[in-house]
Amino acid sequence: MPSMRRLSTVFHLRRKVGTKGILITHPVHVRYLTGLPLDDARLLILPRRIILYVSVLDRQPAEGIAQGIALRDTSRLATDMALLRSCAFESEYVTVSRLFLWKRRCMHTKFVRFSGLLEECRRSKDPDELRCIRRAERITRELLRRIPAALRTSISEEELARRLKIWALELGADGMAFPPIVGFGPSTGTPHHRPGSRRLKKGDIVQIDVGAKFGGYCSDASDVFFTSRPTSDQQRIYGAVSEAQQAALKAVRPGVTNRALDLKARSILKREGIEDAFCHSLGHGVGLDIHEGVSLSHKAKEMKLLKNEVITIEPGVYFPGKWGMRVEKIVIV
């Protein structure tokens, strides 16, 4: 069940946009505001009430909707919008054909585009959201804890990825926040390697990037595993990547900028002469989406971190065709 803070947010948004109504269509935003995981629902925000439109198939799950939200059949949406002088809609999540259909059926309604407002609201998490994220994180940590035992056999990348999915469900997760990244040996030189048929060999570096989902909320973690004694160069670079992560983690606080955190980590890698091998941002926001809100990059639009924002810190270096390594954990600001 969503908090009253989230529900009150939408009334503030309507005043900010300046229209008589706001139509929410993105399933993630509908879930954020109602707590319901519905793929084909619509939420209409009016001056004094909120209406959730669902199909007959979703009527029963929606019966437990929060107090103060009315429930109607999807077929009534256009009729209700036609009574409004103006209605804002999420331009990033509405197709051109759908907009034209609304305009034909609501000829006297002015449709106004808006974007980014709910995404900004979602950045700072409330206690219920943090509870789900912490549970997802605990499951994810347990997945990583099981990796060394699985590496005692000649397992393939695909097989290990499948095991991670099964373990997550057994541990109570909704599922995976994203397809697990499992790389052995040279595969680790590709940041987002897709698990293949390659089998584990002695001496391989193993890169795991995995995240469980609980209550709709995501977690994200990466770690490196060695199947034999790492070379001196691998030890040096693993130490530098870990030091870069720790430096950034210590700097996390409300008000610090995304760019500052990225540069903090990069300064460690630059000192070791491997900054050029760090080819992605330091991290990203996490919540109902695995990537949301802030991007921790010195190239991104500058943003200050918010209290109770959830982010990843994940420095990594990659040498294509050879090997790579990335360490990652999520942190609550």
C-alpha atoms as a PDB file:
ATOM      1  CA  MET A   1       0.000   0.000   0.000  1.00  0.00           C
ATOM      2  CA  PRO A   2       1.493   3.377  -0.976  1.00  0.00           C
ATOM      3  CA  SER A   3       2.146   6.010   1.671  1.00  0.00           C
ATOM      4  CA  MET A   4       0.002   9.134   1.891  1.00  0.00           C
ATOM      5  CA  ARG A   5       3.127  11.085   0.919  1.00  0.00           C
ATOM      6  CA  ARG A   6       3.098   9.468  -2.493  1.00  0.00           C
ATOM      7  CA  LEU A   7      -0.617  10.070  -2.988  1.00  0.00           C
ATOM      8  CA  SER A   8      -0.384  13.701  -1.915  1.00  0.00           C
ATOM      9  CA  THR A   9       2.453  14.140  -4.391  1.00  0.00           C
ATOM     10  CA  VAL A  10       0.141  13.752  -7.354  1.00  0.00           C
ATOM     11  CA  PHE A  11      -2.088  16.624  -6.259  1.00  0.00           C
ATOM     12  CA  HIS A  12       1.006  18.811  -6.005  1.00  0.00           C
ATOM     13  CA  LEU A  13       1.994  17.699  -9.513  1.00  0.00           C
ATOM     14  CA  ARG A  14      -1.391  18.648 -10.928  1.00  0.00           C
ATOM     15  CA  ARG A  15      -1.033  22.166  -9.538  1.00  0.00           C
ATOM     16  CA  LYS A  16       2.516  22.371 -10.883  1.00  0.00           C
ATOM     17  CA  VAL A  17       1.482  21.286 -14.379  1.00  0.00           C
ATOM     18  CA  GLY A  18      -1.526  23.616 -14.294  1.00  0.00           C
ATOM     19  CA  THR A  19      -4.136  21.359 -15.891  1.00  0.00           C
ATOM     20  CA  LYS A  20      -7.519  20.167 -14.638  1.00  0.00           C
ATOM     21  CA  GLY A  21      -6.374  16.579 -14.762  1.00  0.00           C
ATOM     22  CA  ILE A  22      -3.223  14.470 -15.010  1.00  0.00           C
ATOM     23  CA  LEU A  23      -3.299  11.051 -16.637  1.00  0.00           C
ATOM     24  CA  ILE A  24      -0.722   8.510 -15.445  1.00  0.00           C
ATOM     25  CA  THR A  25      -0.219   5.584 -17.831  1.00  0.00           C
ATOM     26  CA  HIS A  26       3.278   4.214 -17.157  1.00  0.00           C
ATOM     27  CA  PRO A  27       2.828   0.904 -15.239  1.00  0.00           C
ATOM     28  CA  VAL A  28       5.759   1.701 -12.934  1.00  0.00           C
ATOM     29  CA  HIS A  29       4.184   5.029 -11.972  1.00  0.00           C
ATOM     30  CA  VAL A  30       0.768   3.445 -11.456  1.00  0.00           C
ATOM     31  CA  ARG A  31       2.400   0.943  -9.115  1.00  0.00           C
ATOM     32  CA  TYR A  32       4.326   3.691  -7.318  1.00  0.00           C
ATOM     33  CA  LEU A  33       1.117   5.605  -6.612  1.00  0.00           C
ATOM     34  CA  THR A  34      -1.275   2.715  -5.939  1.00  0.00           C
ATOM     35  CA  GLY A  35       0.903  -0.207  -4.875  1.00  0.00           C
ATOM     36  CA  LEU A  36      -0.707  -2.373  -7.567  1.00  0.00           C
ATOM     37  CA  PRO A  37       1.418  -4.212 -10.187  1.00  0.00           C
ATOM     38  CA  LEU A  38      -0.970  -3.656 -13.100  1.00  0.00           C
ATOM     39  CA  ASP A  39       0.321  -3.561 -16.676  1.00  0.00           C
ATOM     40  CA  ASP A  40      -2.718  -1.949 -18.289  1.00  0.00           C
ATOM     41  CA  ALA A  41      -4.183   0.477 -15.761  1.00  0.00           C
ATOM     42  CA  ARG A  42      -4.659   4.250 -15.968  1.00  0.00           C
ATOM     43  CA  LEU A  43      -4.708   6.772 -13.141  1.00  0.00           C
ATOM     44  CA  LEU A  44      -6.551  10.077 -13.552  1.00  0.00           C
ATOM     45  CA  ILE A  45      -5.697  12.802 -11.050  1.00  0.00           C
ATOM     46  CA  LEU A  46      -8.476  15.380 -10.603  1.00  0.00           C
ATOM     47  CA  PRO A  47      -8.684  18.433  -8.296  1.00  0.00           C
ATOM     48  CA  ARG A  48     -10.394  16.533  -5.469  1.00  0.00           C
ATOM     49  CA  ARG A  49     -10.095  12.854  -6.286  1.00  0.00           C
ATOM     50  CA  ILE A  50      -8.116  10.113  -7.983  1.00  0.00           C
ATOM     51  CA  ILE A  51      -9.647   7.511 -10.290  1.00  0.00           C
ATOM     52  CA  LEU A  52      -8.017   4.200 -11.226  1.00  0.00           C
ATOM     53  CA  TYR A  53      -9.204   2.675 -14.510  1.00  0.00           C
ATOM     54  CA  VAL A  54      -8.751  -1.076 -14.939  1.00  0.00           C
ATOM     55  CA  SER A  55     -10.070  -3.792 -17.217  1.00  0.00           C
ATOM     56  CA  VAL A  56     -12.489  -6.407 -15.939  1.00  0.00           C
ATOM     57  CA  LEU A  57      -9.527  -8.817 -15.719  1.00  0.00           C
ATOM     58  CA  ASP A  58      -7.794  -6.613 -13.145  1.00  0.00           C
ATOM     59  CA  ARG A  59     -10.900  -5.632 -11.218  1.00  0.00           C
ATOM     60  CA  GLN A  60     -10.432  -8.119  -8.375  1.00  0.00           C
ATOM     61  CA  PRO A  61      -6.731  -7.331  -7.681  1.00  0.00           C
ATOM     62  CA  ALA A  62      -7.616  -3.638  -7.682  1.00  0.00           C
ATOM     63  CA  GLU A  63     -10.388  -3.999  -5.093  1.00  0.00           C
ATOM     64  CA  GLY A  64      -7.858  -3.431  -2.322  1.00  0.00           C
ATOM     65  CA  ILE A  65      -6.977   0.009  -3.643  1.00  0.00           C
ATOM     66  CA  ALA A  66      -5.992   2.717  -1.182  1.00  0.00           C
ATOM     67  CA  GLN A  67      -8.734   4.734   0.440  1.00  0.00           C
ATOM     68  CA  GLY A  68      -9.517   7.849  -1.541  1.00  0.00           C
ATOM     69  CA  ILE A  69      -9.003   6.252  -4.970  1.00  0.00           C
ATOM     70  CA  ALA A  70     -12.119   5.421  -6.971  1.00  0.00           C
ATOM     71  CA  LEU A  71     -12.221   2.383  -9.255  1.00  0.00           C
ATOM     72  CA  ARG A  72     -13.728   2.429 -12.756  1.00  0.00           C
ATOM     73  CA  ASP A  73     -13.673   0.366 -15.926  1.00  0.00           C
ATOM     74  CA  THR A  74     -11.122   1.357 -18.563  1.00  0.00           C
ATOM     75  CA  SER A  75     -13.912   1.943 -21.080  1.00  0.00           C
ATOM     76  CA  ARG A  76     -14.972   5.074 -19.156  1.00  0.00           C
ATOM     77  CA  LEU A  77     -11.598   6.839 -19.361  1.00  0.00           C
ATOM     78  CA  ALA A  78     -12.145   8.761 -22.596  1.00  0.00           C
ATOM     79  CA  THR A  79     -15.641   9.806 -21.514  1.00  0.00           C
ATOM     80  CA  ASP A  80     -14.296  11.199 -18.252  1.00  0.00           C
ATOM     81  CA  MET A  81     -11.377  12.983 -19.939  1.00  0.00           C
ATOM     82  CA  ALA A  82     -13.809  14.604 -22.370  1.00  0.00           C
ATOM     83  CA  LEU A  83     -15.330  16.497 -19.425  1.00  0.00           C
ATOM     84  CA  LEU A  84     -12.006  18.223 -18.680  1.00  0.00           C
ATOM     85  CA  ARG A  85     -10.848  21.482 -20.234  1.00  0.00           C
ATOM     86  CA  SER A  86      -7.238  20.302 -20.011  1.00  0.00           C
ATOM     87  CA  CYS A  87      -5.407  17.095 -19.181  1.00  0.00           C
ATOM     88  CA  ALA A  88      -1.666  16.439 -18.877  1.00  0.00           C
ATOM     89  CA  PHE A  89      -0.220  13.101 -19.967  1.00  0.00           C
ATOM     90  CA  GLU A  90       3.148  11.336 -19.693  1.00  0.00           C
ATOM     91  CA  SER A  91       4.572  12.092 -23.114  1.00  0.00           C
ATOM     92  CA  GLU A  92       7.372   9.511 -22.834  1.00  0.00           C
ATOM     93  CA  TYR A  93       4.915   6.645 -22.330  1.00  0.00           C
ATOM     94  CA  VAL A  94       2.041   7.470 -24.699  1.00  0.00           C
ATOM     95  CA  THR A  95       2.157   6.542 -28.376  1.00  0.00           C
ATOM     96  CA  VAL A  96       1.235   9.026 -31.088  1.00  0.00           C
ATOM     97  CA  SER A  97      -1.667   6.817 -32.191  1.00  0.00           C
ATOM     98  CA  ARG A  98      -3.049   6.676 -28.636  1.00  0.00           C
ATOM     99  CA  LEU A  99      -2.843  10.475 -28.329  1.00  0.00           C
ATOM    100  CA  PHE A 100      -4.657  10.940 -31.647  1.00  0.00           C
ATOM    101  CA  LEU A 101      -7.383   8.567 -30.452  1.00  0.00           C
ATOM    102  CA  TRP A 102      -7.882  10.607 -27.273  1.00  0.00           C
ATOM    103  CA  LYS A 103      -8.009  13.837 -29.242  1.00  0.00           C
ATOM    104  CA  ARG A 104     -10.706  12.440 -31.529  1.00  0.00           C
ATOM    105  CA  ARG A 105     -12.825  11.303 -28.589  1.00  0.00           C
ATOM    106  CA  CYS A 106     -12.134  14.366 -26.405  1.00  0.00           C
ATOM    107  CA  MET A 107     -12.402  17.177 -28.944  1.00  0.00           C
ATOM    108  CA  HIS A 108     -12.766  19.958 -26.367  1.00  0.00           C
ATOM    109  CA  THR A 109      -9.971  18.786 -24.078  1.00  0.00           C
ATOM    110  CA  LYS A 110      -6.533  20.343 -24.380  1.00  0.00           C
ATOM    111  CA  PHE A 111      -3.829  17.698 -23.934  1.00  0.00           C
ATOM    112  CA  VAL A 112      -0.569  18.916 -22.387  1.00  0.00           C
ATOM    113  CA  ARG A 113       2.683  16.945 -22.375  1.00  0.00           C
ATOM    114  CA  PHE A 114       4.744  16.490 -19.222  1.00  0.00           C
ATOM    115  CA  SER A 115       7.705  14.306 -18.321  1.00  0.00           C
ATOM    116  CA  GLY A 116      10.250  13.739 -15.590  1.00  0.00           C
ATOM    117  CA  LEU A 117       8.135  14.944 -12.665  1.00  0.00           C
ATOM    118  CA  LEU A 118       7.217  11.575 -11.197  1.00  0.00           C
ATOM    119  CA  GLU A 119      10.703  10.262 -11.883  1.00  0.00           C
ATOM    120  CA  GLU A 120      12.020  13.074  -9.689  1.00  0.00           C
ATOM    121  CA  CYS A 121       9.486  12.265  -6.947  1.00  0.00           C
ATOM    122  CA  ARG A 122      10.567   8.625  -6.967  1.00  0.00           C
ATOM    123  CA  ARG A 123      14.199   9.443  -6.180  1.00  0.00           C
ATOM    124  CA  SER A 124      13.770   9.786  -2.392  1.00  0.00           C
ATOM    125  CA  LYS A 125      12.372   6.544  -0.980  1.00  0.00           C
ATOM    126  CA  ASP A 126       9.862   6.245   1.861  1.00  0.00           C
ATOM    127  CA  PRO A 127      10.153   3.619   4.657  1.00  0.00           C
ATOM    128  CA  ASP A 128       8.031   1.046   2.817  1.00  0.00           C
ATOM    129  CA  GLU A 129      10.192   1.337  -0.288  1.00  0.00           C
ATOM    130  CA  LEU A 130      13.409   1.073   1.705  1.00  0.00           C
ATOM    131  CA  ARG A 131      12.083  -2.031   3.436  1.00  0.00           C
ATOM    132  CA  CYS A 132      11.544  -3.744   0.080  1.00  0.00           C
ATOM    133  CA  ILE A 133      14.941  -2.669  -1.242  1.00  0.00           C
ATOM    134  CA  ARG A 134      16.721  -3.935   1.879  1.00  0.00           C
ATOM    135  CA  ARG A 135      14.973  -7.306   1.509  1.00  0.00           C
ATOM    136  CA  ALA A 136      15.963  -7.471  -2.161  1.00  0.00           C
ATOM    137  CA  GLU A 137      19.533  -6.603  -1.177  1.00  0.00           C
ATOM    138  CA  ARG A 138      19.683  -9.373   1.441  1.00  0.00           C
ATOM    139  CA  ILE A 139      18.554 -11.905  -1.150  1.00  0.00           C
ATOM    140  CA  THR A 140      21.136 -10.595  -3.609  1.00  0.00           C
ATOM    141  CA  ARG A 141      23.937 -10.855  -1.045  1.00  0.00           C
ATOM    142  CA  GLU A 142      22.955 -14.476  -0.414  1.00  0.00           C
ATOM    143  CA  LEU A 143      23.139 -15.165  -4.159  1.00  0.00           C
ATOM    144  CA  LEU A 144      26.721 -13.884  -4.225  1.00  0.00           C
ATOM    145  CA  ARG A 145      27.571 -15.901  -1.113  1.00  0.00           C
ATOM    146  CA  ARG A 146      26.639 -19.093  -2.973  1.00  0.00           C
ATOM    147  CA  ILE A 147      28.919 -18.413  -5.943  1.00  0.00           C
ATOM    148  CA  PRO A 148      32.225 -19.902  -4.651  1.00  0.00           C
ATOM    149  CA  ALA A 149      30.644 -23.319  -4.058  1.00  0.00           C
ATOM    150  CA  ALA A 150      29.161 -23.289  -7.565  1.00  0.00           C
ATOM    151  CA  LEU A 151      32.606 -22.582  -9.038  1.00  0.00           C
ATOM    152  CA  ARG A 152      34.035 -25.871  -7.780  1.00  0.00           C
ATOM    153  CA  THR A 153      32.730 -27.634 -10.893  1.00  0.00           C
ATOM    154  CA  SER A 154      33.161 -27.020 -14.609  1.00  0.00           C
ATOM    155  CA  ILE A 155      29.919 -25.060 -14.794  1.00  0.00           C
ATOM    156  CA  SER A 156      29.004 -22.904 -17.796  1.00  0.00           C
ATOM    157  CA  GLU A 157      28.071 -19.220 -17.719  1.00  0.00           C
ATOM    158  CA  GLU A 158      24.513 -20.069 -18.811  1.00  0.00           C
ATOM    159  CA  GLU A 159      24.120 -22.750 -16.149  1.00  0.00           C
ATOM    160  CA  LEU A 160      25.287 -20.429 -13.374  1.00  0.00           C
ATOM    161  CA  ALA A 161      22.932 -17.689 -14.586  1.00  0.00           C
ATOM    162  CA  ARG A 162      20.028 -20.163 -14.435  1.00  0.00           C
ATOM    163  CA  ARG A 163      20.992 -21.202 -10.914  1.00  0.00           C
ATOM    164  CA  LEU A 164      20.984 -17.584  -9.785  1.00  0.00           C
ATOM    165  CA  LYS A 165      17.412 -17.185 -11.033  1.00  0.00           C
ATOM    166  CA  ILE A 166      16.272 -20.371  -9.287  1.00  0.00           C
ATOM    167  CA  TRP A 167      18.007 -19.447  -6.024  1.00  0.00           C
ATOM    168  CA  ALA A 168      16.419 -15.999  -6.050  1.00  0.00           C
ATOM    169  CA  LEU A 169      12.922 -17.478  -6.295  1.00  0.00           C
ATOM    170  CA  GLU A 170      13.704 -20.026  -3.573  1.00  0.00           C
ATOM    171  CA  LEU A 171      14.821 -17.159  -1.322  1.00  0.00           C
ATOM    172  CA  GLY A 172      11.503 -15.344  -1.770  1.00  0.00           C
ATOM    173  CA  ALA A 173      12.287 -12.872  -4.533  1.00  0.00           C
ATOM    174  CA  ASP A 174       9.667 -11.770  -7.064  1.00  0.00           C
ATOM    175  CA  GLY A 175      12.263 -12.589  -9.686  1.00  0.00           C
ATOM    176  CA  MET A 176      15.347 -10.922 -11.097  1.00  0.00           C
ATOM    177  CA  ALA A 177      15.783  -7.169 -11.394  1.00  0.00           C
ATOM    178  CA  PHE A 178      17.625  -7.821 -14.677  1.00  0.00           C
ATOM    179  CA  PRO A 179      19.113 -10.840 -16.486  1.00  0.00           C
ATOM    180  CA  PRO A 180      22.189 -11.918 -14.489  1.00  0.00           C
ATOM    181  CA  ILE A 181      25.575 -11.082 -15.964  1.00  0.00           C
ATOM    182  CA  VAL A 182      27.926 -14.049 -15.644  1.00  0.00           C
ATOM    183  CA  GLY A 183      31.324 -13.891 -17.312  1.00  0.00           C
ATOM    184  CA  PHE A 184      34.303 -16.247 -17.204  1.00  0.00           C
ATOM    185  CA  GLY A 185      37.830 -15.379 -18.313  1.00  0.00           C
ATOM    186  CA  PRO A 186      37.919 -13.156 -21.435  1.00  0.00           C
ATOM    187  CA  SER A 187      34.150 -12.613 -21.156  1.00  0.00           C
ATOM    188  CA  THR A 188      34.769 -10.376 -18.136  1.00  0.00           C
ATOM    189  CA  GLY A 189      36.344  -7.816 -20.471  1.00  0.00           C
ATOM    190  CA  THR A 190      32.835  -6.958 -21.716  1.00  0.00           C
ATOM    191  CA  PRO A 191      30.906  -4.922 -19.088  1.00  0.00           C
ATOM    192  CA  HIS A 192      27.448  -6.276 -19.993  1.00  0.00           C
ATOM    193  CA  HIS A 193      28.434  -9.710 -21.232  1.00  0.00           C
ATOM    194  CA  ARG A 194      25.551 -12.086 -21.950  1.00  0.00           C
ATOM    195  CA  PRO A 195      26.131 -15.531 -20.406  1.00  0.00           C
ATOM    196  CA  GLY A 196      27.115 -18.099 -23.006  1.00  0.00           C
ATOM    197  CA  SER A 197      28.140 -21.741 -23.243  1.00  0.00           C
ATOM    198  CA  ARG A 198      31.731 -21.152 -22.103  1.00  0.00           C
ATOM    199  CA  ARG A 199      32.691 -23.439 -19.243  1.00  0.00           C
ATOM    200  CA  LEU A 200      34.779 -22.434 -16.271  1.00  0.00           C
ATOM    201  CA  LYS A 201      38.509 -23.064 -16.541  1.00  0.00           C
ATOM    202  CA  LYS A 202      41.153 -22.996 -13.848  1.00  0.00           C
ATOM    203  CA  GLY A 203      42.672 -19.536 -13.678  1.00  0.00           C
ATOM    204  CA  ASP A 204      39.542 -17.746 -14.937  1.00  0.00           C
ATOM    205  CA  ILE A 205      38.417 -14.511 -13.385  1.00  0.00           C
ATOM    206  CA  VAL A 206      34.662 -14.693 -12.753  1.00  0.00           C
ATOM    207  CA  GLN A 207      32.466 -11.583 -12.903  1.00  0.00           C
ATOM    208  CA  ILE A 208      28.951 -11.721 -11.477  1.00  0.00           C
ATOM    209  CA  ASP A 209      26.434  -8.864 -11.683  1.00  0.00           C
ATOM    210  CA  VAL A 210      23.082  -9.813 -10.205  1.00  0.00           C
ATOM    211  CA  GLY A 211      20.045  -8.283  -8.583  1.00  0.00           C
ATOM    212  CA  ALA A 212      16.923  -9.714  -6.991  1.00  0.00           C
ATOM    213  CA  LYS A 213      13.562  -7.975  -6.935  1.00  0.00           C
ATOM    214  CA  PHE A 214      11.238  -7.906  -3.933  1.00  0.00           C
ATOM    215  CA  GLY A 215       7.885  -6.148  -3.670  1.00  0.00           C
ATOM    216  CA  GLY A 216       8.597  -4.682  -7.101  1.00  0.00           C
ATOM    217  CA  TYR A 217      11.832  -3.045  -5.931  1.00  0.00           C
ATOM    218  CA  CYS A 218      15.277  -3.853  -7.285  1.00  0.00           C
ATOM    219  CA  SER A 219      18.702  -4.557  -5.908  1.00  0.00           C
ATOM    220  CA  ASP A 220      22.010  -4.629  -7.776  1.00  0.00           C
ATOM    221  CA  ALA A 221      25.406  -6.044  -6.833  1.00  0.00           C
ATOM    222  CA  SER A 222      28.590  -7.122  -8.586  1.00  0.00           C
ATOM    223  CA  ASP A 223      31.646  -9.000  -7.421  1.00  0.00           C
ATOM    224  CA  VAL A 224      34.750 -10.689  -8.750  1.00  0.00           C
ATOM    225  CA  PHE A 225      35.837 -14.246  -7.966  1.00  0.00           C
ATOM    226  CA  PHE A 226      39.231 -15.818  -8.646  1.00  0.00           C
ATOM    227  CA  THR A 227      39.618 -19.527  -9.433  1.00  0.00           C
ATOM    228  CA  SER A 228      43.369 -19.482  -8.789  1.00  0.00           C
ATOM    229  CA  ARG A 229      45.884 -17.110  -7.284  1.00  0.00           C
ATOM    230  CA  PRO A 230      45.512 -13.762  -9.128  1.00  0.00           C
ATOM    231  CA  THR A 231      48.525 -12.297 -10.883  1.00  0.00           C
ATOM    232  CA  SER A 232      50.282  -9.308  -9.347  1.00  0.00           C
ATOM    233  CA  ASP A 233      48.674  -7.071 -11.990  1.00  0.00           C
ATOM    234  CA  GLN A 234      45.210  -8.439 -11.209  1.00  0.00           C
ATOM    235  CA  GLN A 235      45.799  -7.929  -7.488  1.00  0.00           C
ATOM    236  CA  ARG A 236      46.896  -4.339  -8.079  1.00  0.00           C
ATOM    237  CA  ILE A 237      43.908  -3.515 -10.254  1.00  0.00           C
ATOM    238  CA  TYR A 238      41.407  -5.257  -7.979  1.00  0.00           C
ATOM    239  CA  GLY A 239      42.855  -3.255  -5.097  1.00  0.00           C
ATOM    240  CA  ALA A 240      42.506  -0.010  -7.052  1.00  0.00           C
ATOM    241  CA  VAL A 241      38.901  -0.743  -8.063  1.00  0.00           C
ATOM    242  CA  SER A 242      37.996  -1.621  -4.467  1.00  0.00           C
ATOM    243  CA  GLU A 243      39.736   1.516  -3.183  1.00  0.00           C
ATOM    244  CA  ALA A 244      37.837   3.632  -5.730  1.00  0.00           C
ATOM    245  CA  GLN A 245      34.559   2.140  -4.526  1.00  0.00           C
ATOM    246  CA  GLN A 246      35.380   2.768  -0.865  1.00  0.00           C
ATOM    247  CA  ALA A 247      36.413   6.367  -1.569  1.00  0.00           C
ATOM    248  CA  ALA A 248      33.085   7.030  -3.282  1.00  0.00           C
ATOM    249  CA  LEU A 249      31.072   5.242  -0.579  1.00  0.00           C
ATOM    250  CA  LYS A 250      32.670   7.378   2.133  1.00  0.00           C
ATOM    251  CA  ALA A 251      31.727  10.529   0.199  1.00  0.00           C
ATOM    252  CA  VAL A 252      28.035   9.632  -0.176  1.00  0.00           C
ATOM    253  CA  ARG A 253      25.762  12.041   1.685  1.00  0.00           C
ATOM    254  CA  PRO A 254      22.741  14.233   0.918  1.00  0.00           C
ATOM    255  CA  GLY A 255      23.784  17.222  -1.162  1.00  0.00           C
ATOM    256  CA  VAL A 256      26.907  15.747  -2.745  1.00  0.00           C
ATOM    257  CA  THR A 257      26.733  15.810  -6.542  1.00  0.00           C
ATOM    258  CA  ASN A 258      26.718  12.898  -8.929  1.00  0.00           C
ATOM    259  CA  ARG A 259      29.717  14.353 -10.745  1.00  0.00           C
ATOM    260  CA  ALA A 260      31.747  14.718  -7.558  1.00  0.00           C
ATOM    261  CA  LEU A 261      31.291  11.046  -6.655  1.00  0.00           C
ATOM    262  CA  ASP A 262      32.290   9.893 -10.125  1.00  0.00           C
ATOM    263  CA  LEU A 263      35.402  12.073 -10.115  1.00  0.00           C
ATOM    264  CA  LYS A 264      36.308  10.850  -6.617  1.00  0.00           C
ATOM    265  CA  ALA A 265      36.443   7.255  -7.844  1.00  0.00           C
ATOM    266  CA  ARG A 266      38.137   8.171 -11.110  1.00  0.00           C
ATOM    267  CA  SER A 267      40.958   9.933  -9.283  1.00  0.00           C
ATOM    268  CA  ILE A 268      41.977   6.597  -7.721  1.00  0.00           C
ATOM    269  CA  LEU A 269      41.932   4.812 -11.068  1.00  0.00           C
ATOM    270  CA  LYS A 270      43.800   7.681 -12.723  1.00  0.00           C
ATOM    271  CA  ARG A 271      46.545   7.395 -10.120  1.00  0.00           C
ATOM    272  CA  GLU A 272      46.976   3.753 -11.133  1.00  0.00           C
ATOM    273  CA  GLY A 273      46.970   4.597 -14.845  1.00  0.00           C
ATOM    274  CA  ILE A 274      43.758   2.693 -15.596  1.00  0.00           C
ATOM    275  CA  GLU A 275      41.146   5.465 -15.807  1.00  0.00           C
ATOM    276  CA  ASP A 276      40.777   4.930 -19.568  1.00  0.00           C
ATOM    277  CA  ALA A 277      39.645   1.349 -18.871  1.00  0.00           C
ATOM    278  CA  PHE A 278      36.727   2.661 -16.777  1.00  0.00           C
ATOM    279  CA  CYS A 279      34.213   3.044 -19.609  1.00  0.00           C
ATOM    280  CA  HIS A 280      30.913   3.664 -17.797  1.00  0.00           C
ATOM    281  CA  SER A 281      29.418   5.792 -15.051  1.00  0.00           C
ATOM    282  CA  LEU A 282      30.140   5.136 -11.382  1.00  0.00           C
ATOM    283  CA  GLY A 283      26.537   4.183 -10.701  1.00  0.00           C
ATOM    284  CA  HIS A 284      22.846   4.945 -10.960  1.00  0.00           C
ATOM    285  CA  GLY A 285      19.661   5.256  -8.982  1.00  0.00           C
ATOM    286  CA  VAL A 286      17.717   2.104  -8.062  1.00  0.00           C
ATOM    287  CA  GLY A 287      14.075   1.556  -7.149  1.00  0.00           C
ATOM    288  CA  LEU A 288      11.101   0.149  -9.027  1.00  0.00           C
ATOM    289  CA  ASP A 289      13.381   0.365 -12.074  1.00  0.00           C
ATOM    290  CA  ILE A 290      16.907  -0.999 -12.025  1.00  0.00           C
ATOM    291  CA  HIS A 291      18.118   2.259 -13.579  1.00  0.00           C
ATOM    292  CA  GLU A 292      16.245   5.350 -12.435  1.00  0.00           C
ATOM    293  CA  GLY A 293      16.818   8.874 -11.234  1.00  0.00           C
ATOM    294  CA  VAL A 294      20.394  10.037 -10.965  1.00  0.00           C
ATOM    295  CA  SER A 295      23.348   8.952 -13.111  1.00  0.00           C
ATOM    296  CA  LEU A 296      26.675   9.085 -11.263  1.00  0.00           C
ATOM    297  CA  SER A 297      28.745  10.444 -14.116  1.00  0.00           C
ATOM    298  CA  HIS A 298      30.926  13.511 -14.508  1.00  0.00           C
ATOM    299  CA  LYS A 299      29.373  13.842 -17.976  1.00  0.00           C
ATOM    300  CA  ALA A 300      25.747  13.771 -16.784  1.00  0.00           C
ATOM    301  CA  LYS A 301      23.601  16.725 -15.799  1.00  0.00           C
ATOM    302  CA  GLU A 302      24.752  17.798 -12.343  1.00  0.00           C
ATOM    303  CA  MET A 303      22.366  16.654  -9.607  1.00  0.00           C
ATOM    304  CA  LYS A 304      22.599  16.684  -5.824  1.00  0.00           C
ATOM    305  CA  LEU A 305      21.854  13.437  -4.029  1.00  0.00           C
ATOM    306  CA  LEU A 306      18.713  13.382  -1.897  1.00  0.00           C
ATOM    307  CA  LYS A 307      18.206  11.892   1.549  1.00  0.00           C
ATOM    308  CA  ASN A 308      16.939   8.295   1.268  1.00  0.00           C
ATOM    309  CA  GLU A 309      17.877   8.089  -2.391  1.00  0.00           C
ATOM    310  CA  VAL A 310      19.201   4.630  -3.294  1.00  0.00           C
ATOM    311  CA  ILE A 311      22.196   4.441  -5.614  1.00  0.00           C
ATOM    312  CA  THR A 312      24.821   1.985  -6.795  1.00  0.00           C
ATOM    313  CA  ILE A 313      28.568   2.494  -6.558  1.00  0.00           C
ATOM    314  CA  GLU A 314      30.185   0.284  -9.199  1.00  0.00           C
ATOM    315  CA  PRO A 315      33.641   1.186 -10.514  1.00  0.00           C
ATOM    316  CA  GLY A 316      35.081  -1.244 -13.031  1.00  0.00           C
ATOM    317  CA  VAL A 317      37.917  -1.582 -15.518  1.00  0.00           C
ATOM    318  CA  TYR A 318      37.918  -3.690 -18.677  1.00  0.00           C
ATOM    319  CA  PHE A 319      40.539  -4.993 -21.073  1.00  0.00           C
ATOM    320  CA  PRO A 320      38.572  -6.410 -24.043  1.00  0.00           C
ATOM    321  CA  GLY A 321      39.560  -9.929 -25.022  1.00  0.00           C
ATOM    322  CA  LYS A 322      41.554 -10.375 -21.813  1.00  0.00           C
ATOM    323  CA  TRP A 323      39.669  -9.710 -18.577  1.00  0.00           C
ATOM    324  CA  GLY A 324      37.897  -7.100 -16.511  1.00  0.00           C
ATOM    325  CA  MET A 325      36.523  -6.581 -13.030  1.00  0.00           C
ATOM    326  CA  ARG A 326      33.754  -4.560 -11.379  1.00  0.00           C
ATOM    327  CA  VAL A 327      32.673  -4.314  -7.749  1.00  0.00           C
ATOM    328  CA  GLU A 328      29.261  -2.921  -6.892  1.00  0.00           C
ATOM    329  CA  LYS A 329      26.950  -2.367  -3.971  1.00  0.00           C
ATOM    330  CA  ILE A 330      23.883  -0.257  -3.346  1.00  0.00           C
ATOM    331  CA  VAL A 331      23.810   2.417  -0.683  1.00  0.00           C
ATOM    332  CA  ILE A 332      21.038   4.473   0.894  1.00  0.00           C
ATOM    333  CA  VAL A 333      21.963   8.152   0.980  1.00  0.00           C
END
